[in-house]
Amino acid sequence: MPQSRRTAPGSVVIADDDPDDRDLIVDAWRDVRPGIAMECVSNGRHLLNLLETSAANHAALPTLVLLDLNMPLVDGWAALRTLKQHPTLRSIPIVIFTTSAVREHVYTAYEMQAAGFITKPSSYRELVKIITTLDQYWIATVRTPDRDREV
């Protein structure tokens, strides 16, 4: 029987090249759920390295990834494509969280198996509402295959 992995309960990876956006997301999520485990990366290459290393070391995987599309080195599209082709990492829910509101981007993201597509809000109040919804759904409610496996 292959060794199974568990997601870290209530853990989120934020992949965004804008440090101000990362800080706002972290602050909003901590306002919603103090103590939540979060890790931030600034580009798709770092995201892939983080998750592939976790998988290789049989470490806990994140409950959710928030992924910006426009990042250096490896953009969000390439990171999403790679993660959804990886046998261990493809079950991690990935929500696109970007400034884009282009209709084709929404369709493409879902065709590539993104779990959601959210256009970044313009106010902190709206950000907190979005994070509250994400937290209630992905952290407090949803069961994923990896969260149900025993280590």
Protein backbone atom coordinates (compact mmCIF):
# COMPACT_ATOMS: atom_id res chain seq x y z
CA MET A 1 0.00 0.00 0.00
CA PRO A 2 1.51 3.38 -0.97
CA GLN A 3 2.25 5.76 1.84
CA SER A 4 -0.56 8.27 2.15
CA ARG A 5 -0.31 11.95 2.95
CA ARG A 6 -2.46 14.23 4.99
CA THR A 7 -3.12 17.86 4.49
CA ALA A 8 -2.15 20.05 7.37
CA PRO A 9 -5.46 21.02 8.95
CA GLY A 10 -6.19 24.60 8.04
CA SER A 11 -3.06 25.37 6.06
CA VAL A 12 -2.90 27.75 3.13
CA VAL A 13 -0.18 28.57 0.61
CA ILE A 14 -0.37 32.02 -0.98
CA ALA A 15 1.49 32.32 -4.29
CA ASP A 16 1.67 35.97 -5.31
CA ASP A 17 4.58 38.11 -6.48
CA ASP A 18 3.21 41.32 -4.91
CA PRO A 19 4.40 41.56 -1.29
CA ASP A 20 1.63 44.04 -0.41
CA ASP A 21 -1.04 41.66 -1.72
CA ARG A 22 0.51 38.76 0.19
CA ASP A 23 0.59 40.79 3.40
CA LEU A 24 -3.04 41.88 2.99
CA ILE A 25 -4.18 38.30 2.38
CA VAL A 26 -2.25 37.05 5.41
CA ASP A 27 -3.64 39.84 7.59
CA ALA A 28 -7.21 39.20 6.40
CA TRP A 29 -6.94 35.46 6.98
CA ARG A 30 -5.50 35.99 10.46
CA ASP A 31 -8.41 38.35 11.19
CA VAL A 32 -10.78 35.56 10.15
CA ARG A 33 -8.95 32.58 11.70
CA PRO A 34 -6.13 33.48 14.11
CA GLY A 35 -3.45 30.83 14.18
CA ILE A 36 -4.06 29.46 10.69
CA ALA A 37 -0.88 28.06 9.15
CA MET A 38 0.11 30.06 6.08
CA GLU A 39 3.10 30.03 3.81
CA CYS A 40 3.81 32.60 1.12
CA VAL A 41 5.81 32.24 -2.07
CA SER A 42 6.59 34.93 -4.62
CA ASN A 43 6.50 32.94 -7.85
CA GLY A 44 5.38 29.69 -9.40
CA ARG A 45 8.83 28.12 -9.24
CA HIS A 46 8.91 28.53 -5.47
CA LEU A 47 5.37 27.15 -5.22
CA LEU A 48 6.28 24.06 -7.21
CA ASN A 49 9.48 23.54 -5.22
CA LEU A 50 7.61 23.87 -1.91
CA LEU A 51 4.86 21.42 -2.84
CA GLU A 52 7.09 18.93 -4.64
CA THR A 53 9.48 18.88 -1.67
CA SER A 54 6.55 18.32 0.71
CA ALA A 55 5.31 15.45 -1.45
CA ALA A 56 8.76 13.88 -1.76
CA ASN A 57 9.27 14.07 2.01
CA HIS A 58 5.77 12.73 2.72
CA ALA A 59 5.05 15.95 4.59
CA ALA A 60 1.57 17.37 5.09
CA LEU A 61 0.20 19.18 2.06
CA PRO A 62 -1.70 22.47 2.27
CA THR A 63 -5.46 22.50 2.51
CA LEU A 64 -5.66 25.23 -0.15
CA VAL A 65 -3.46 27.19 -2.54
CA LEU A 66 -4.31 30.76 -3.57
CA LEU A 67 -2.57 31.31 -6.89
CA ASP A 68 -1.94 34.57 -8.72
CA LEU A 69 -1.64 34.26 -12.48
CA ASN A 70 0.93 36.95 -13.24
CA MET A 71 4.17 35.99 -11.53
CA PRO A 72 7.81 35.85 -12.62
CA LEU A 73 9.89 32.75 -13.37
CA VAL A 74 6.92 30.37 -13.56
CA ASP A 75 3.54 32.06 -13.95
CA GLY A 76 0.31 30.87 -12.40
CA TRP A 77 -0.84 29.12 -15.57
CA ALA A 78 2.28 26.99 -15.78
CA ALA A 79 2.19 26.25 -12.05
CA LEU A 80 -1.47 25.20 -12.26
CA ARG A 81 -0.78 22.97 -15.27
CA THR A 82 2.17 21.30 -13.53
CA LEU A 83 0.32 20.76 -10.24
CA LYS A 84 -2.75 19.26 -11.92
CA GLN A 85 -0.51 16.77 -13.75
CA HIS A 86 1.35 15.70 -10.60
CA PRO A 87 -0.03 12.42 -9.19
CA THR A 88 0.31 13.50 -5.56
CA LEU A 89 -0.35 17.23 -5.80
CA ARG A 90 -3.28 17.32 -8.23
CA SER A 91 -5.86 16.87 -5.46
CA ILE A 92 -4.84 20.09 -3.69
CA PRO A 93 -7.58 22.69 -4.29
CA ILE A 94 -6.16 25.65 -6.15
CA VAL A 95 -8.13 28.88 -6.26
CA ILE A 96 -6.97 31.47 -8.76
CA PHE A 97 -6.74 34.81 -6.93
CA THR A 98 -5.75 37.47 -9.41
CA THR A 99 -6.41 40.98 -10.68
CA SER A 100 -7.69 39.57 -13.96
CA ALA A 101 -11.39 39.70 -14.76
CA VAL A 102 -10.94 38.46 -18.32
CA ARG A 103 -13.68 35.98 -19.21
CA GLU A 104 -11.30 33.72 -21.14
CA HIS A 105 -9.05 33.49 -18.07
CA VAL A 106 -11.99 32.25 -15.99
CA TYR A 107 -12.90 29.58 -18.56
CA THR A 108 -9.29 28.50 -19.01
CA ALA A 109 -8.70 28.24 -15.26
CA TYR A 110 -11.67 25.91 -14.82
CA GLU A 111 -10.69 23.86 -17.87
CA MET A 112 -7.29 23.44 -16.19
CA GLN A 113 -9.07 22.14 -13.05
CA ALA A 114 -8.78 25.19 -10.81
CA ALA A 115 -11.16 24.90 -7.86
CA GLY A 116 -12.20 28.53 -8.22
CA PHE A 117 -11.45 31.89 -9.77
CA ILE A 118 -11.61 35.10 -7.76
CA THR A 119 -10.76 38.60 -8.93
CA LYS A 120 -8.90 40.46 -6.19
CA PRO A 121 -11.11 43.03 -4.49
CA SER A 122 -10.29 46.71 -4.25
CA SER A 123 -10.90 47.09 -0.51
CA TYR A 124 -9.76 45.34 2.63
CA ARG A 125 -13.37 44.93 3.75
CA GLU A 126 -14.18 43.00 0.56
CA LEU A 127 -11.00 40.96 0.97
CA VAL A 128 -12.06 39.92 4.46
CA LYS A 129 -15.49 38.87 3.11
CA ILE A 130 -13.82 36.74 0.44
CA ILE A 131 -11.36 35.20 2.91
CA THR A 132 -14.22 34.46 5.31
CA THR A 133 -16.03 32.58 2.56
CA LEU A 134 -12.90 30.69 1.52
CA ASP A 135 -12.14 29.82 5.12
CA GLN A 136 -15.66 28.61 5.88
CA TYR A 137 -15.73 26.46 2.76
CA TRP A 138 -12.19 25.12 2.31
CA ILE A 139 -10.93 25.08 5.89
CA ALA A 140 -14.01 24.50 8.05
CA THR A 141 -16.29 22.47 5.79
CA VAL A 142 -14.83 20.63 2.81
CA ARG A 143 -13.24 17.22 3.11
CA THR A 144 -10.55 16.45 0.56
CA PRO A 145 -9.13 13.03 -0.29
CA ASP A 146 -5.81 13.77 1.40
CA ARG A 147 -7.47 15.06 4.57
CA ASP A 148 -9.36 11.77 4.97
CA ARG A 149 -6.37 9.46 4.62
CA GLU A 150 -4.64 8.14 7.65
CA VAL A 151 -0.89 8.55 7.86
